[in-house]
Protein backbone atom coordinates (compact mmCIF):
# COMPACT_ATOMS: atom_id res chain seq x y z
CA MET A 1 -25.67 -8.64 -3.13
CA ARG A 2 -23.09 -9.22 -5.85
CA VAL A 3 -19.48 -10.05 -5.06
CA ALA A 4 -16.35 -10.61 -7.13
CA ALA A 5 -15.30 -13.95 -5.65
CA LEU A 6 -11.84 -15.42 -6.01
CA ILE A 7 -12.66 -18.96 -7.16
CA ARG A 8 -9.23 -20.23 -8.19
CA ASN A 9 -5.58 -19.28 -7.87
CA GLY A 10 -3.51 -18.32 -10.88
CA ASN A 11 -4.29 -16.39 -14.04
CA ALA A 12 -6.04 -13.08 -13.34
CA ASN A 13 -8.60 -13.47 -16.14
CA GLN A 14 -9.76 -16.88 -14.86
CA ALA A 15 -9.59 -16.29 -11.12
CA PHE A 16 -12.79 -14.34 -10.41
CA GLU A 17 -16.51 -14.90 -10.73
CA ILE A 18 -19.30 -12.38 -10.18
CA ARG A 19 -21.87 -14.16 -8.02
CA GLU A 20 -24.61 -13.54 -5.48
CA SER A 21 -23.88 -13.69 -1.76
CA GLU A 22 -25.48 -12.78 1.56
CA LYS A 23 -24.79 -9.35 2.99
CA PRO A 24 -22.15 -9.49 5.74
CA LYS A 25 -23.45 -9.76 9.31
CA LEU A 26 -22.19 -6.96 11.50
CA ASP A 27 -20.06 -7.62 14.54
CA PRO A 28 -20.06 -5.24 17.51
CA LEU A 29 -18.57 -1.85 16.53
CA ASP A 30 -19.13 -2.51 12.82
CA VAL A 31 -20.75 -0.38 10.13
CA LEU A 32 -22.12 -1.56 6.80
CA ILE A 33 -21.03 0.31 3.67
CA LYS A 34 -22.82 0.33 0.31
CA VAL A 35 -19.74 0.13 -1.89
CA GLU A 36 -19.30 2.57 -4.74
CA ALA A 37 -15.79 1.40 -5.65
CA PHE A 38 -13.01 -0.75 -4.22
CA GLY A 39 -9.26 -0.51 -4.65
CA LEU A 40 -6.70 -3.12 -5.62
CA ASN A 41 -3.50 -3.73 -3.69
CA PHE A 42 -0.46 -5.85 -4.45
CA ALA A 43 -1.41 -8.11 -1.54
CA ASP A 44 -4.53 -8.96 -3.58
CA VAL A 45 -2.28 -10.16 -6.39
CA MET A 46 -0.32 -12.29 -3.92
CA ALA A 47 -3.57 -13.74 -2.54
CA ARG A 48 -4.85 -14.49 -6.04
CA LYS A 49 -1.63 -16.38 -6.78
CA GLY A 50 -1.96 -18.39 -3.55
CA MET A 51 1.10 -16.74 -2.02
CA TYR A 52 -0.49 -14.78 0.83
CA ALA A 53 -0.96 -16.84 3.98
CA ALA A 54 -3.37 -14.38 5.61
CA ALA A 55 -5.90 -14.61 2.77
CA PRO A 56 -9.20 -16.39 3.47
CA PRO A 57 -9.80 -19.82 1.87
CA ILE A 58 -11.25 -20.03 -1.62
CA PRO A 59 -13.93 -19.02 -2.55
CA ALA A 60 -12.82 -15.73 -1.03
CA ILE A 61 -13.84 -12.12 -1.15
CA LEU A 62 -10.67 -10.06 -1.20
CA GLY A 63 -10.37 -6.32 -0.77
CA TYR A 64 -8.88 -3.93 1.78
CA ASP A 65 -10.24 -0.52 0.82
CA VAL A 66 -13.62 0.77 -0.26
CA VAL A 67 -15.47 4.01 -0.88
CA GLY A 68 -19.19 4.23 -0.32
CA GLU A 69 -22.08 5.26 1.90
CA VAL A 70 -22.57 3.98 5.43
CA VAL A 71 -26.08 2.48 5.59
CA GLU A 72 -26.10 0.61 8.91
CA SER A 73 -24.31 0.48 12.24
CA SER A 74 -24.22 -2.11 15.00
CA CYS A 75 -23.11 0.40 17.63
CA SER A 76 -24.01 3.85 18.88
CA GLU A 77 -20.53 5.13 18.05
CA GLY A 78 -21.05 4.46 14.36
CA MET A 79 -24.56 5.94 14.10
CA SER A 80 -23.20 9.39 13.21
CA LEU A 81 -21.67 7.89 10.06
CA ILE A 82 -24.97 6.69 8.59
CA GLY A 83 -25.68 8.50 5.34
CA LYS A 84 -22.09 9.76 5.09
CA ARG A 85 -19.74 9.03 2.21
CA VAL A 86 -16.62 7.40 3.61
CA VAL A 87 -13.35 5.81 2.69
CA ALA A 88 -12.69 2.72 4.76
CA MET A 89 -10.19 -0.06 5.30
CA THR A 90 -11.72 -3.53 5.38
CA ARG A 91 -10.34 -6.83 6.64
CA PHE A 92 -11.01 -8.52 3.29
CA GLY A 93 -14.57 -8.42 1.96
CA GLY A 94 -14.08 -5.26 -0.09
CA TYR A 95 -14.85 -6.85 -3.48
CA ALA A 96 -18.59 -6.65 -2.82
CA GLU A 97 -21.59 -4.36 -3.17
CA PHE A 98 -21.78 -4.19 0.63
CA ALA A 99 -18.81 -4.42 2.99
CA LYS A 100 -18.44 -4.21 6.74
CA THR A 101 -15.70 -2.73 8.86
CA ASP A 102 -15.03 -1.32 12.31
CA TYR A 103 -16.40 2.21 12.54
CA ARG A 104 -12.93 3.42 13.54
CA ALA A 105 -11.59 2.28 10.16
CA CYS A 106 -13.70 4.89 8.35
CA ALA A 107 -13.15 8.55 7.52
CA VAL A 108 -15.77 10.87 6.08
CA ILE A 109 -14.92 12.33 2.67
CA SER A 110 -16.59 14.94 0.49
CA ASP A 111 -18.88 14.05 -2.39
CA GLN A 112 -16.41 15.76 -4.72
CA MET A 113 -13.47 13.48 -3.93
CA ASN A 114 -12.69 11.07 -6.76
CA ALA A 115 -13.53 7.51 -5.71
CA ALA A 116 -10.31 6.05 -7.07
CA ALA A 117 -8.19 8.69 -5.35
CA ALA A 118 -10.11 8.13 -2.13
CA THR A 119 -9.49 4.37 -2.08
CA ALA A 120 -5.76 5.07 -2.18
CA LEU A 121 -6.03 6.84 1.17
CA ALA A 122 -7.14 3.74 3.08
CA THR A 123 -4.27 1.38 2.33
CA GLN A 124 -1.53 3.15 0.37
CA TYR A 125 -1.61 6.52 2.07
CA CYS A 126 -2.25 5.10 5.55
CA THR A 127 0.71 2.77 5.07
CA ALA A 128 2.84 5.66 3.83
CA TYR A 129 1.77 7.98 6.65
CA TYR A 130 2.42 5.32 9.29
CA ALA A 131 5.79 4.49 7.72
CA ALA A 132 7.01 8.05 7.18
CA TYR A 133 5.42 10.01 10.01
CA GLU A 134 4.83 7.53 12.84
CA CYS A 135 7.44 4.75 12.59
CA THR A 136 10.16 7.24 11.75
CA SER A 137 10.49 11.00 11.60
CA LEU A 138 11.53 12.81 8.45
CA PHE A 139 13.30 16.15 8.60
CA GLU A 140 14.26 18.79 6.08
CA GLY A 141 17.33 17.75 4.13
CA ASP A 142 17.02 14.03 4.91
CA ARG A 143 18.01 11.77 2.05
CA ILE A 144 15.49 9.00 1.52
CA LEU A 145 15.28 6.06 -0.86
CA ILE A 146 11.92 4.74 -2.09
CA HIS A 147 11.54 1.41 -3.87
CA ALA A 148 8.68 1.10 -6.39
CA ALA A 149 8.39 4.86 -6.15
CA ALA A 150 5.78 5.03 -8.92
CA GLY A 151 3.40 2.68 -7.09
CA GLY A 152 0.63 3.68 -4.72
CA VAL A 153 2.64 3.64 -1.48
CA GLY A 154 5.74 4.96 -3.23
CA THR A 155 3.81 7.93 -4.60
CA ALA A 156 2.33 8.62 -1.16
CA ILE A 157 5.70 8.47 0.61
CA THR A 158 7.19 10.78 -2.01
CA GLN A 159 4.48 13.38 -1.41
CA LEU A 160 4.78 13.10 2.38
CA ALA A 161 8.59 13.35 2.19
CA LYS A 162 8.46 16.44 -0.01
CA LEU A 163 6.14 18.11 2.52
CA LYS A 164 9.03 17.70 4.99
CA GLY A 165 11.65 19.00 2.56
CA CYS A 166 13.47 15.71 2.02
CA GLU A 167 15.79 14.79 -0.86
CA VAL A 168 14.14 11.83 -2.58
CA TYR A 169 15.78 9.01 -4.56
CA GLY A 170 13.04 7.04 -6.32
CA LEU A 171 13.47 3.63 -7.95
CA THR A 172 11.49 2.29 -10.89
CA SER A 173 11.87 -0.59 -13.33
CA THR A 174 10.99 1.26 -16.52
CA ASP A 175 12.04 4.45 -18.29
CA VAL A 176 8.39 5.23 -18.97
CA LYS A 177 7.88 6.04 -15.28
CA MET A 178 10.90 8.31 -14.92
CA GLY A 179 8.90 11.36 -15.99
CA TYR A 180 6.13 10.44 -13.59
CA LEU A 181 8.59 10.31 -10.70
CA LYS A 182 9.90 13.76 -11.60
CA SER A 183 6.35 15.11 -11.71
CA GLN A 184 5.79 13.80 -8.18
CA GLY A 185 8.84 15.60 -6.85
CA VAL A 186 11.42 12.80 -6.88
CA ASP A 187 14.78 14.55 -7.04
CA TYR A 188 16.68 11.60 -8.50
CA PRO A 189 14.64 9.00 -10.44
CA ILE A 190 16.65 5.82 -11.02
CA ASN A 191 15.86 2.87 -13.29
CA HIS A 192 17.24 0.00 -11.22
CA VAL A 193 16.98 -2.45 -14.13
CA HIS A 194 19.48 -0.55 -16.29
CA GLU A 195 21.66 0.86 -13.51
CA ASP A 196 23.13 -0.25 -10.20
CA TYR A 197 20.99 1.85 -7.91
CA VAL A 198 23.52 1.76 -5.09
CA ALA A 199 26.14 3.34 -7.35
CA GLN A 200 23.62 5.84 -8.72
CA VAL A 201 22.53 6.98 -5.25
CA PHE A 202 26.15 7.52 -4.21
CA LYS A 203 26.79 9.35 -7.48
CA HIS A 204 23.89 11.77 -7.01
CA SER A 205 24.52 12.25 -3.28
CA LYS A 206 28.24 12.81 -3.86
CA GLY A 207 29.07 9.86 -1.65
CA GLN A 208 26.70 10.74 1.18
CA LYS A 209 24.64 7.93 2.70
CA ILE A 210 20.86 7.96 3.08
CA ASP A 211 18.80 8.46 6.21
CA VAL A 212 15.78 6.26 5.50
CA ALA A 213 15.06 3.49 2.98
CA PHE A 214 11.43 2.60 2.29
CA ASN A 215 11.33 -0.89 0.82
CA SER A 216 8.36 -2.84 -0.54
CA VAL A 217 10.46 -5.33 -2.50
CA GLY A 218 12.59 -7.08 0.11
CA GLY A 219 14.96 -9.90 -0.66
CA SER A 220 18.29 -8.92 -2.17
CA THR A 221 17.41 -5.21 -2.14
CA PHE A 222 17.56 -5.22 1.65
CA LYS A 223 21.30 -5.96 1.62
CA LYS A 224 21.86 -3.26 -0.98
CA ASP A 225 19.99 -0.73 1.13
CA THR A 226 22.21 -1.66 4.06
CA GLN A 227 25.21 -0.47 2.03
CA LEU A 228 23.51 2.89 1.53
CA LEU A 229 22.29 3.46 5.07
CA GLY A 230 24.12 6.05 7.16
CA LYS A 231 24.64 6.24 10.91
CA GLY A 232 21.31 6.71 12.65
CA GLY A 233 19.50 5.52 9.53
CA LYS A 234 16.43 3.29 9.30
CA GLN A 235 15.13 0.70 6.91
CA VAL A 236 11.33 0.53 6.74
CA ILE A 237 10.07 -2.71 5.18
CA TYR A 238 6.42 -2.91 4.15
CA GLY A 239 6.40 -5.66 1.53
CA ALA A 240 8.24 -8.50 -0.16
CA ALA A 241 7.23 -8.07 -3.80
CA GLU A 242 10.31 -9.99 -4.92
CA LEU A 243 8.48 -13.14 -3.81
CA ALA A 244 5.75 -12.46 -6.38
CA ASP A 245 8.27 -13.03 -9.16
CA SER A 246 9.07 -16.51 -7.84
CA ARG A 247 7.06 -19.74 -7.87
CA GLY A 248 5.83 -19.21 -4.33
CA ASN A 249 6.89 -22.63 -3.00
CA ILE A 250 8.80 -23.30 0.20
CA PHE A 251 12.15 -23.12 -1.61
CA SER A 252 11.31 -19.70 -3.01
CA LYS A 253 10.37 -18.49 0.45
CA LEU A 254 13.56 -19.86 1.99
CA ASN A 255 15.56 -18.22 -0.78
CA LEU A 256 13.85 -14.90 -0.02
CA VAL A 257 14.87 -15.24 3.63
CA ARG A 258 18.43 -16.00 2.55
CA LYS A 259 18.50 -12.88 0.39
CA PHE A 260 17.38 -10.74 3.30
CA GLY A 261 20.33 -12.02 5.33
CA PHE A 262 20.69 -12.12 9.09
CA TYR A 263 21.38 -9.15 11.34
CA THR A 264 22.03 -8.96 15.06
CA PRO A 265 21.03 -6.15 17.41
CA ILE A 266 24.73 -5.57 18.04
CA SER A 267 25.37 -4.49 14.45
CA LEU A 268 22.40 -2.14 14.61
CA LEU A 269 23.44 -0.78 17.98
CA SER A 270 26.96 0.02 16.85
CA LYS A 271 25.64 2.17 13.99
CA SER A 272 22.53 3.45 15.77
CA GLN A 273 20.41 2.01 12.97
CA GLY A 274 16.95 0.50 12.92
CA ILE A 275 14.88 -1.99 10.93
CA ILE A 276 11.11 -1.53 11.04
CA GLY A 277 8.53 -3.92 9.61
CA ILE A 278 5.04 -2.73 8.74
CA ASN A 279 1.87 -4.74 8.18
CA MET A 280 -1.11 -2.40 8.12
CA LEU A 281 -3.55 -5.30 8.50
CA GLU A 282 -2.03 -6.02 11.90
CA ILE A 283 -2.26 -2.35 12.82
CA ALA A 284 -5.89 -2.32 11.65
CA ASP A 285 -6.64 -5.42 13.74
CA HIS A 286 -4.88 -4.46 16.95
CA LYS A 287 -4.32 -0.68 16.90
CA LYS A 288 -7.69 0.69 15.82
CA MET A 289 -7.05 4.22 17.06
CA VAL A 290 -3.71 4.35 15.26
CA LEU A 291 -5.45 3.42 12.02
CA LYS A 292 -8.17 5.99 12.68
CA ARG A 293 -5.57 8.70 13.29
CA CYS A 294 -3.60 7.87 10.14
CA LEU A 295 -6.72 7.71 7.97
CA GLU A 296 -8.14 10.97 9.25
CA GLU A 297 -4.81 12.74 8.81
CA VAL A 298 -4.35 11.69 5.19
CA VAL A 299 -7.94 12.71 4.40
CA LYS A 300 -7.27 16.14 5.94
CA LEU A 301 -4.04 16.57 3.99
CA THR A 302 -5.75 15.50 0.76
CA GLU A 303 -8.73 17.79 1.17
CA ALA A 304 -6.29 20.63 1.95
CA GLY A 305 -4.57 19.95 -1.37
CA LYS A 306 -1.27 18.89 0.22
CA LEU A 307 -1.56 15.27 -0.90
CA LYS A 308 -2.72 14.28 -4.38
CA PRO A 309 -3.45 10.57 -4.80
CA GLU A 310 -2.78 9.44 -8.34
CA VAL A 311 -5.29 7.29 -10.21
CA GLY A 312 -3.57 4.54 -12.16
CA GLY A 313 -6.68 3.05 -13.73
CA GLU A 314 -10.43 2.67 -13.33
CA PHE A 315 -12.15 -0.58 -14.35
CA PRO A 316 -15.79 -1.75 -14.35
CA ILE A 317 -16.58 -4.81 -12.26
CA ASN A 318 -16.75 -7.11 -15.31
CA LYS A 319 -13.10 -6.21 -16.05
CA ILE A 320 -11.71 -7.15 -12.62
CA GLY A 321 -9.40 -9.74 -14.17
CA GLU A 322 -7.92 -7.11 -16.46
CA ALA A 323 -7.49 -4.78 -13.48
CA HIS A 324 -5.56 -7.47 -11.58
CA ALA A 325 -3.36 -8.25 -14.59
CA PHE A 326 -2.66 -4.55 -15.09
CA LEU A 327 -1.53 -4.16 -11.47
CA GLU A 328 0.49 -7.38 -11.54
CA GLY A 329 2.30 -6.25 -14.69
CA ARG A 330 3.66 -3.25 -12.75
CA ASN A 331 2.84 -0.95 -15.64
CA SER A 332 0.56 1.21 -13.53
CA THR A 333 1.27 4.41 -11.64
CA GLY A 334 -0.98 5.27 -8.74
CA LYS A 335 -4.14 3.53 -7.54
CA ILE A 336 -6.15 0.94 -9.46
CA VAL A 337 -9.86 0.93 -8.67
CA VAL A 338 -12.85 -1.21 -9.65
CA LYS A 339 -16.32 0.32 -9.75
CA TRP A 340 -19.72 -1.32 -9.40
């Protein structure tokens, strides 16, 4: 089979090579998927730049989400999936013509569902669903803040929050995306590059604090969100994209920790606040049924027309470098997908 192998860290257009490889050998409870398309995630960018500790050693096959047909199963539980079109979360290995995963990390989708939109469900929408519906509860009238609101997870959280009747404050780094945020239902789009977003949130909320902050950036933004958080509020952290803008050495990492600051349980207790960290790979590894539940729920909501994954770009396999550069440049809205 062909794979898009990461052969060196650094520049997106020089990092990958299309080469032949053996099909993956199935472990117990695995299924084998003939991949139609695979999605890109910001963690892939971090891995390509050598800044993601969990990534496999080079040469590596990255990739967390795929769409395709199940062609083989190592267990009786997965036999019913053979011949079905599925969206699945993989533990790396997605940048290949064939990928394996635990059968519980798959959800059957219709033939009509767009492949790019479907890949968004595995990582972005599962992360969003877990963050917004399982790690915290959103209620009508809640004020929520979403960092990188035009990205894949940001778009998903916005849609999930609007289903609950929340008031959404969405951050972006460019004026071009302001209209997109409005189209997704963001009540107050804010360009955080041109404006102090803390001041803007207070301005729009008439001084009222927020109930939940969803943060994929980390670093200094965490302290700013703390200023905005009301009593009983929660900060949900599912990324540290600010690190991607640094050199990635030990000093950059220590500086990121410094920017986050240090908080004791006493300060949280006194305000009845919470800080929640999310790593969907860990959930996928150790909470298989939680992943299965989240994936099946977002598929149901999408097929019912309640969620609408946005496609940010579709690239052929020979343009994988361009796809990575496009995602890294943060000019995209929605999901980036690569097709075989």
